[in-house]
Amino acid sequence: MMKKDTFISKKEKTFRECTLDFLEDTFGLDQIKNLASLTKWLNEEGTISGHEEVQLKLLQELLEFNVHDWNEQELDMNFIGPVFSLVNFSSKKYNLFAERSIEAEVGDWRLFGAPDNMIASGRRKPKIPYFAFQEYKKHKDPKGDPAAQALAAALVAQTLNKNQTPIYGCYVIGHDWYFFILEDKQFAVSRDYSALSDEIFDIFRILRALKQIVIGFTSDN
């Protein structure tokens, strides 16, 4: 990671300040209907054990009872975190990190921030990010744009990856999960997956597929 004083002459913007308009206009990003890499990720097959199904249903009941009252920290602690833990993204080569700062020089701008969660190489501290995650508690009038914040983090991840593509991401609004991929200058976003329906098993399957993708990224390191 480059030191902050390297960016003295650069314009700056935090992830929270970013909008989709800004990212598209400034960095030439283009949202398209779909990407083959996103389709492949969303449709990877996987099995869910009886134990995992029981755990997911218990988490779903907890979410249904509390989702309209939890703040973002409570949503993360009581539902999102346990779902990620059930997949288990921890290893000696990669890990799941929460609110760790990342930054990069992208064009004429310094973009920086701390994604709610990210998966990156490294055991004790993040090195190269592969996946950016942002969450919001409410559907109506959230503070900022969760899609733009996650996409801005993905753009920084792409730069830190020396433009390796694709970069994977997800953002959550309430109980709805949206998965996306940034590939070169194009990005595509999935439909919403509701954690209050049987789609909770799809969410888990997609995250498990992501784990295999990350294993592939780190297998030669």
C-alpha atoms as a PDB file:
ATOM      1  CA  MET A   1       0.000   0.000   0.000  1.00  0.00           C
ATOM      2  CA  MET A   2       1.376   3.390  -0.912  1.00  0.00           C
ATOM      3  CA  LYS A   3       1.896   6.018   1.751  1.00  0.00           C
ATOM      4  CA  LYS A   4      -0.604   8.823   1.962  1.00  0.00           C
ATOM      5  CA  ASP A   5       2.004  11.526   1.247  1.00  0.00           C
ATOM      6  CA  THR A   6       2.478   9.982  -2.190  1.00  0.00           C
ATOM      7  CA  PHE A   7      -0.956  11.355  -3.091  1.00  0.00           C
ATOM      8  CA  ILE A   8      -0.432  14.992  -2.087  1.00  0.00           C
ATOM      9  CA  SER A   9      -0.993  16.272  -5.642  1.00  0.00           C
ATOM     10  CA  LYS A  10      -3.997  14.056  -6.232  1.00  0.00           C
ATOM     11  CA  LYS A  11      -7.673  14.791  -5.886  1.00  0.00           C
ATOM     12  CA  GLU A  12      -9.244  12.640  -3.199  1.00  0.00           C
ATOM     13  CA  LYS A  13     -12.554  10.954  -2.595  1.00  0.00           C
ATOM     14  CA  THR A  14     -13.643   8.438   0.012  1.00  0.00           C
ATOM     15  CA  PHE A  15     -15.693   5.396  -0.940  1.00  0.00           C
ATOM     16  CA  ARG A  16     -18.616   6.874   0.989  1.00  0.00           C
ATOM     17  CA  GLU A  17     -18.532  10.011  -1.172  1.00  0.00           C
ATOM     18  CA  CYS A  18     -18.664   8.074  -4.443  1.00  0.00           C
ATOM     19  CA  THR A  19     -21.728   7.760  -6.630  1.00  0.00           C
ATOM     20  CA  LEU A  20     -22.238   5.599  -9.678  1.00  0.00           C
ATOM     21  CA  ASP A  21     -22.363   8.737 -11.836  1.00  0.00           C
ATOM     22  CA  PHE A  22     -18.989   9.871 -10.500  1.00  0.00           C
ATOM     23  CA  LEU A  23     -17.365   6.471 -11.036  1.00  0.00           C
ATOM     24  CA  GLU A  24     -18.741   6.112 -14.547  1.00  0.00           C
ATOM     25  CA  ASP A  25     -17.927   9.650 -15.646  1.00  0.00           C
ATOM     26  CA  THR A  26     -14.497   9.856 -14.016  1.00  0.00           C
ATOM     27  CA  PHE A  27     -13.101   6.391 -14.686  1.00  0.00           C
ATOM     28  CA  GLY A  28     -14.995   5.409 -17.816  1.00  0.00           C
ATOM     29  CA  LEU A  29     -16.859   2.563 -16.153  1.00  0.00           C
ATOM     30  CA  ASP A  30     -19.845   1.120 -17.961  1.00  0.00           C
ATOM     31  CA  GLN A  31     -22.650  -0.892 -16.391  1.00  0.00           C
ATOM     32  CA  ILE A  32     -23.849  -3.630 -18.703  1.00  0.00           C
ATOM     33  CA  LYS A  33     -26.693  -6.094 -18.329  1.00  0.00           C
ATOM     34  CA  ASN A  34     -24.490  -9.100 -17.715  1.00  0.00           C
ATOM     35  CA  LEU A  35     -20.985 -10.492 -17.842  1.00  0.00           C
ATOM     36  CA  ALA A  36     -20.108 -14.104 -18.566  1.00  0.00           C
ATOM     37  CA  SER A  37     -17.966 -14.197 -15.424  1.00  0.00           C
ATOM     38  CA  LEU A  38     -20.912 -13.044 -13.294  1.00  0.00           C
ATOM     39  CA  THR A  39     -23.241 -15.618 -14.859  1.00  0.00           C
ATOM     40  CA  LYS A  40     -20.682 -18.353 -14.213  1.00  0.00           C
ATOM     41  CA  TRP A  41     -20.227 -17.283 -10.579  1.00  0.00           C
ATOM     42  CA  LEU A  42     -23.951 -17.090  -9.840  1.00  0.00           C
ATOM     43  CA  ASN A  43     -24.643 -20.485 -11.382  1.00  0.00           C
ATOM     44  CA  GLU A  44     -21.868 -22.540  -9.836  1.00  0.00           C
ATOM     45  CA  GLU A  45     -23.336 -25.697  -8.378  1.00  0.00           C
ATOM     46  CA  GLY A  46     -22.880 -26.700  -4.781  1.00  0.00           C
ATOM     47  CA  THR A  47     -24.405 -28.855  -2.073  1.00  0.00           C
ATOM     48  CA  ILE A  48     -25.511 -27.743   1.366  1.00  0.00           C
ATOM     49  CA  SER A  49     -25.169 -30.165   4.245  1.00  0.00           C
ATOM     50  CA  GLY A  50     -27.934 -30.832   6.735  1.00  0.00           C
ATOM     51  CA  HIS A  51     -26.002 -28.965   9.427  1.00  0.00           C
ATOM     52  CA  GLU A  52     -25.541 -25.933   7.165  1.00  0.00           C
ATOM     53  CA  GLU A  53     -29.222 -25.927   6.246  1.00  0.00           C
ATOM     54  CA  VAL A  54     -30.212 -25.940   9.912  1.00  0.00           C
ATOM     55  CA  GLN A  55     -27.809 -23.087  10.693  1.00  0.00           C
ATOM     56  CA  LEU A  56     -29.020 -20.994   7.760  1.00  0.00           C
ATOM     57  CA  LYS A  57     -32.658 -21.457   8.747  1.00  0.00           C
ATOM     58  CA  LEU A  58     -31.883 -20.394  12.323  1.00  0.00           C
ATOM     59  CA  LEU A  59     -30.088 -17.303  11.040  1.00  0.00           C
ATOM     60  CA  GLN A  60     -33.000 -16.585   8.715  1.00  0.00           C
ATOM     61  CA  GLU A  61     -35.462 -16.722  11.622  1.00  0.00           C
ATOM     62  CA  LEU A  62     -33.259 -14.325  13.557  1.00  0.00           C
ATOM     63  CA  LEU A  63     -33.121 -11.980  10.567  1.00  0.00           C
ATOM     64  CA  GLU A  64     -36.873 -12.076   9.996  1.00  0.00           C
ATOM     65  CA  PHE A  65     -37.545 -11.168  13.627  1.00  0.00           C
ATOM     66  CA  ASN A  66     -35.009  -8.322  13.808  1.00  0.00           C
ATOM     67  CA  VAL A  67     -34.245  -6.957  10.344  1.00  0.00           C
ATOM     68  CA  HIS A  68     -36.416  -3.850  10.665  1.00  0.00           C
ATOM     69  CA  ASP A  69     -34.942  -2.936  14.054  1.00  0.00           C
ATOM     70  CA  TRP A  70     -31.255  -3.850  13.816  1.00  0.00           C
ATOM     71  CA  ASN A  71     -28.734  -1.153  13.020  1.00  0.00           C
ATOM     72  CA  GLU A  72     -25.972  -1.958  10.559  1.00  0.00           C
ATOM     73  CA  GLN A  73     -23.585  -3.225  13.216  1.00  0.00           C
ATOM     74  CA  GLU A  74     -26.232  -5.540  14.644  1.00  0.00           C
ATOM     75  CA  LEU A  75     -27.144  -6.807  11.176  1.00  0.00           C
ATOM     76  CA  ASP A  76     -23.484  -7.582  10.519  1.00  0.00           C
ATOM     77  CA  MET A  77     -22.855  -9.166  13.922  1.00  0.00           C
ATOM     78  CA  ASN A  78     -25.985 -11.305  14.063  1.00  0.00           C
ATOM     79  CA  PHE A  79     -26.543 -12.318  10.452  1.00  0.00           C
ATOM     80  CA  ILE A  80     -23.978 -11.334   7.830  1.00  0.00           C
ATOM     81  CA  GLY A  81     -20.954 -12.296   9.939  1.00  0.00           C
ATOM     82  CA  PRO A  82     -22.322 -15.727  10.858  1.00  0.00           C
ATOM     83  CA  VAL A  83     -23.159 -16.464   7.207  1.00  0.00           C
ATOM     84  CA  PHE A  84     -19.591 -15.634   6.161  1.00  0.00           C
ATOM     85  CA  SER A  85     -18.261 -17.660   9.093  1.00  0.00           C
ATOM     86  CA  LEU A  86     -20.301 -20.656   7.976  1.00  0.00           C
ATOM     87  CA  VAL A  87     -18.533 -20.498   4.605  1.00  0.00           C
ATOM     88  CA  ASN A  88     -15.198 -19.948   6.432  1.00  0.00           C
ATOM     89  CA  PHE A  89     -12.968 -17.609   4.489  1.00  0.00           C
ATOM     90  CA  SER A  90     -10.010 -17.941   6.870  1.00  0.00           C
ATOM     91  CA  SER A  91      -6.730 -19.554   5.850  1.00  0.00           C
ATOM     92  CA  LYS A  92      -2.992 -18.904   5.924  1.00  0.00           C
ATOM     93  CA  LYS A  93      -3.152 -17.461   2.402  1.00  0.00           C
ATOM     94  CA  TYR A  94      -6.348 -15.390   2.514  1.00  0.00           C
ATOM     95  CA  ASN A  95      -8.828 -14.096   5.060  1.00  0.00           C
ATOM     96  CA  LEU A  96     -12.014 -12.104   5.615  1.00  0.00           C
ATOM     97  CA  PHE A  97     -11.231  -8.614   6.936  1.00  0.00           C
ATOM     98  CA  ALA A  98     -13.625  -6.032   8.370  1.00  0.00           C
ATOM     99  CA  GLU A  99     -13.258  -2.262   8.039  1.00  0.00           C
ATOM    100  CA  ARG A 100      -9.602  -2.408   6.989  1.00  0.00           C
ATOM    101  CA  SER A 101      -8.455   0.673   5.084  1.00  0.00           C
ATOM    102  CA  ILE A 102      -7.403   0.362   1.463  1.00  0.00           C
ATOM    103  CA  GLU A 103      -6.437   3.026  -1.037  1.00  0.00           C
ATOM    104  CA  ALA A 104      -5.025   3.416  -4.516  1.00  0.00           C
ATOM    105  CA  GLU A 105      -4.124   6.021  -7.074  1.00  0.00           C
ATOM    106  CA  VAL A 106      -6.692   5.608  -9.849  1.00  0.00           C
ATOM    107  CA  GLY A 107      -6.132   8.044 -12.686  1.00  0.00           C
ATOM    108  CA  ASP A 108      -6.035  11.547 -11.237  1.00  0.00           C
ATOM    109  CA  TRP A 109      -7.751  10.502  -8.026  1.00  0.00           C
ATOM    110  CA  ARG A 110      -6.828   8.957  -4.728  1.00  0.00           C
ATOM    111  CA  LEU A 111      -9.699   6.660  -3.707  1.00  0.00           C
ATOM    112  CA  PHE A 112      -9.718   5.378  -0.162  1.00  0.00           C
ATOM    113  CA  GLY A 113     -11.929   3.892   2.497  1.00  0.00           C
ATOM    114  CA  ALA A 114     -12.663   0.888   4.667  1.00  0.00           C
ATOM    115  CA  PRO A 115     -15.140  -1.605   3.174  1.00  0.00           C
ATOM    116  CA  ASP A 116     -17.449  -3.251   5.668  1.00  0.00           C
ATOM    117  CA  ASN A 117     -15.830  -6.535   4.688  1.00  0.00           C
ATOM    118  CA  MET A 118     -13.358  -7.716   2.098  1.00  0.00           C
ATOM    119  CA  ILE A 119     -11.609 -10.925   1.205  1.00  0.00           C
ATOM    120  CA  ALA A 120      -7.926 -10.472   0.472  1.00  0.00           C
ATOM    121  CA  SER A 121      -4.692 -12.372   0.394  1.00  0.00           C
ATOM    122  CA  GLY A 122      -2.850 -12.370   3.689  1.00  0.00           C
ATOM    123  CA  ARG A 123      -3.547 -13.975   7.031  1.00  0.00           C
ATOM    124  CA  ARG A 124      -3.097 -11.169   9.577  1.00  0.00           C
ATOM    125  CA  LYS A 125      -3.569  -8.106   7.390  1.00  0.00           C
ATOM    126  CA  PRO A 126      -5.001  -7.624   3.891  1.00  0.00           C
ATOM    127  CA  LYS A 127      -2.577  -7.533   0.991  1.00  0.00           C
ATOM    128  CA  ILE A 128      -4.354  -7.951  -2.342  1.00  0.00           C
ATOM    129  CA  PRO A 129      -8.185  -7.619  -2.243  1.00  0.00           C
ATOM    130  CA  TYR A 130     -10.349  -9.948  -4.327  1.00  0.00           C
ATOM    131  CA  PHE A 131     -13.827  -9.197  -2.994  1.00  0.00           C
ATOM    132  CA  ALA A 132     -15.473  -6.048  -1.606  1.00  0.00           C
ATOM    133  CA  PHE A 133     -18.631  -6.037   0.510  1.00  0.00           C
ATOM    134  CA  GLN A 134     -20.838  -3.175   1.676  1.00  0.00           C
ATOM    135  CA  GLU A 135     -24.024  -3.262   3.698  1.00  0.00           C
ATOM    136  CA  TYR A 136     -26.951  -1.017   4.529  1.00  0.00           C
ATOM    137  CA  LYS A 137     -29.709  -1.633   7.012  1.00  0.00           C
ATOM    138  CA  LYS A 138     -32.561   0.151   5.261  1.00  0.00           C
ATOM    139  CA  HIS A 139     -34.068   0.083   1.802  1.00  0.00           C
ATOM    140  CA  LYS A 140     -35.255   3.664   1.997  1.00  0.00           C
ATOM    141  CA  ASP A 141     -32.928   6.664   2.134  1.00  0.00           C
ATOM    142  CA  PRO A 142     -29.695   4.898   3.084  1.00  0.00           C
ATOM    143  CA  LYS A 143     -26.778   7.179   3.903  1.00  0.00           C
ATOM    144  CA  GLY A 144     -24.870   7.016   0.668  1.00  0.00           C
ATOM    145  CA  ASP A 145     -24.902   4.627  -2.234  1.00  0.00           C
ATOM    146  CA  PRO A 146     -23.945   1.060  -1.248  1.00  0.00           C
ATOM    147  CA  ALA A 147     -23.505  -0.022  -4.874  1.00  0.00           C
ATOM    148  CA  ALA A 148     -21.126   2.858  -5.569  1.00  0.00           C
ATOM    149  CA  GLN A 149     -19.179   2.318  -2.344  1.00  0.00           C
ATOM    150  CA  ALA A 150     -18.651  -1.352  -3.105  1.00  0.00           C
ATOM    151  CA  LEU A 151     -17.764  -0.571  -6.721  1.00  0.00           C
ATOM    152  CA  ALA A 152     -15.253   2.093  -5.638  1.00  0.00           C
ATOM    153  CA  ALA A 153     -13.602  -0.462  -3.349  1.00  0.00           C
ATOM    154  CA  ALA A 154     -13.549  -2.946  -6.235  1.00  0.00           C
ATOM    155  CA  LEU A 155     -11.891  -0.320  -8.440  1.00  0.00           C
ATOM    156  CA  VAL A 156      -9.166   0.139  -5.813  1.00  0.00           C
ATOM    157  CA  ALA A 157      -8.845  -3.664  -5.558  1.00  0.00           C
ATOM    158  CA  GLN A 158      -8.442  -3.860  -9.320  1.00  0.00           C
ATOM    159  CA  THR A 159      -5.633  -1.281  -9.180  1.00  0.00           C
ATOM    160  CA  LEU A 160      -3.884  -3.036  -6.282  1.00  0.00           C
ATOM    161  CA  ASN A 161      -4.227  -6.266  -8.260  1.00  0.00           C
ATOM    162  CA  LYS A 162      -2.361  -4.546 -11.111  1.00  0.00           C
ATOM    163  CA  ASN A 163      -5.602  -4.572 -13.108  1.00  0.00           C
ATOM    164  CA  GLN A 164      -6.212  -8.284 -12.648  1.00  0.00           C
ATOM    165  CA  THR A 165      -9.819  -9.020 -13.506  1.00  0.00           C
ATOM    166  CA  PRO A 166     -12.442  -9.841 -12.591  1.00  0.00           C
ATOM    167  CA  ILE A 167     -12.935  -8.305  -9.145  1.00  0.00           C
ATOM    168  CA  TYR A 168     -15.861  -9.692  -7.164  1.00  0.00           C
ATOM    169  CA  GLY A 169     -18.252  -7.764  -4.942  1.00  0.00           C
ATOM    170  CA  CYS A 170     -21.541  -7.716  -3.082  1.00  0.00           C
ATOM    171  CA  TYR A 171     -23.714  -5.191  -1.336  1.00  0.00           C
ATOM    172  CA  VAL A 172     -26.662  -5.768   0.978  1.00  0.00           C
ATOM    173  CA  ILE A 173     -29.653  -3.528   1.592  1.00  0.00           C
ATOM    174  CA  GLY A 174     -31.754  -4.849   4.428  1.00  0.00           C
ATOM    175  CA  HIS A 175     -32.358  -8.497   3.586  1.00  0.00           C
ATOM    176  CA  ASP A 176     -31.572  -8.215  -0.145  1.00  0.00           C
ATOM    177  CA  TRP A 177     -28.160  -9.228  -1.490  1.00  0.00           C
ATOM    178  CA  TYR A 178     -26.751  -8.017  -4.822  1.00  0.00           C
ATOM    179  CA  PHE A 179     -23.645  -9.588  -6.345  1.00  0.00           C
ATOM    180  CA  PHE A 180     -21.506  -7.844  -8.934  1.00  0.00           C
ATOM    181  CA  ILE A 181     -18.311  -8.152 -10.952  1.00  0.00           C
ATOM    182  CA  LEU A 182     -15.950  -5.453 -12.194  1.00  0.00           C
ATOM    183  CA  GLU A 183     -14.081  -6.588 -15.286  1.00  0.00           C
ATOM    184  CA  ASP A 184     -11.780  -4.075 -16.962  1.00  0.00           C
ATOM    185  CA  LYS A 185     -14.030  -1.014 -17.379  1.00  0.00           C
ATOM    186  CA  GLN A 186     -17.315  -2.910 -17.320  1.00  0.00           C
ATOM    187  CA  PHE A 187     -19.418  -4.024 -14.384  1.00  0.00           C
ATOM    188  CA  ALA A 188     -22.620  -6.011 -14.030  1.00  0.00           C
ATOM    189  CA  VAL A 189     -24.913  -6.431 -11.031  1.00  0.00           C
ATOM    190  CA  SER A 190     -27.104  -9.423 -10.252  1.00  0.00           C
ATOM    191  CA  ARG A 191     -30.760  -9.321  -9.392  1.00  0.00           C
ATOM    192  CA  ASP A 192     -31.588  -9.178  -5.712  1.00  0.00           C
ATOM    193  CA  TYR A 193     -31.450 -12.352  -3.615  1.00  0.00           C
ATOM    194  CA  SER A 194     -33.697 -12.217  -0.553  1.00  0.00           C
ATOM    195  CA  ALA A 195     -32.271 -13.741   2.613  1.00  0.00           C
ATOM    196  CA  LEU A 196     -35.854 -14.040   3.913  1.00  0.00           C
ATOM    197  CA  SER A 197     -36.753 -16.625   1.288  1.00  0.00           C
ATOM    198  CA  ASP A 198     -35.265 -19.918   0.102  1.00  0.00           C
ATOM    199  CA  GLU A 199     -32.790 -17.733  -1.785  1.00  0.00           C
ATOM    200  CA  ILE A 200     -30.742 -17.712   1.408  1.00  0.00           C
ATOM    201  CA  PHE A 201     -29.410 -21.045   0.149  1.00  0.00           C
ATOM    202  CA  ASP A 202     -28.458 -19.409  -3.161  1.00  0.00           C
ATOM    203  CA  ILE A 203     -26.626 -16.669  -1.240  1.00  0.00           C
ATOM    204  CA  PHE A 204     -24.690 -19.314   0.669  1.00  0.00           C
ATOM    205  CA  ARG A 205     -23.957 -21.289  -2.515  1.00  0.00           C
ATOM    206  CA  ILE A 206     -22.659 -18.168  -4.290  1.00  0.00           C
ATOM    207  CA  LEU A 207     -20.411 -17.284  -1.350  1.00  0.00           C
ATOM    208  CA  ARG A 208     -19.076 -20.829  -1.260  1.00  0.00           C
ATOM    209  CA  ALA A 209     -18.324 -20.600  -4.978  1.00  0.00           C
ATOM    210  CA  LEU A 210     -16.458 -17.363  -4.229  1.00  0.00           C
ATOM    211  CA  LYS A 211     -14.305 -19.256  -1.736  1.00  0.00           C
ATOM    212  CA  GLN A 212     -13.223 -21.670  -4.443  1.00  0.00           C
ATOM    213  CA  ILE A 213     -12.420 -18.738  -6.735  1.00  0.00           C
ATOM    214  CA  VAL A 214     -10.256 -17.140  -4.035  1.00  0.00           C
ATOM    215  CA  ILE A 215      -8.502 -20.448  -3.417  1.00  0.00           C
ATOM    216  CA  GLY A 216      -7.654 -20.463  -7.123  1.00  0.00           C
ATOM    217  CA  PHE A 217      -6.262 -16.922  -6.922  1.00  0.00           C
ATOM    218  CA  THR A 218      -3.989 -17.800  -3.992  1.00  0.00           C
ATOM    219  CA  SER A 219      -2.996 -21.384  -4.879  1.00  0.00           C
ATOM    220  CA  ASP A 220       0.261 -20.351  -6.561  1.00  0.00           C
ATOM    221  CA  ASN A 221       1.289 -17.852  -3.878  1.00  0.00           C
END
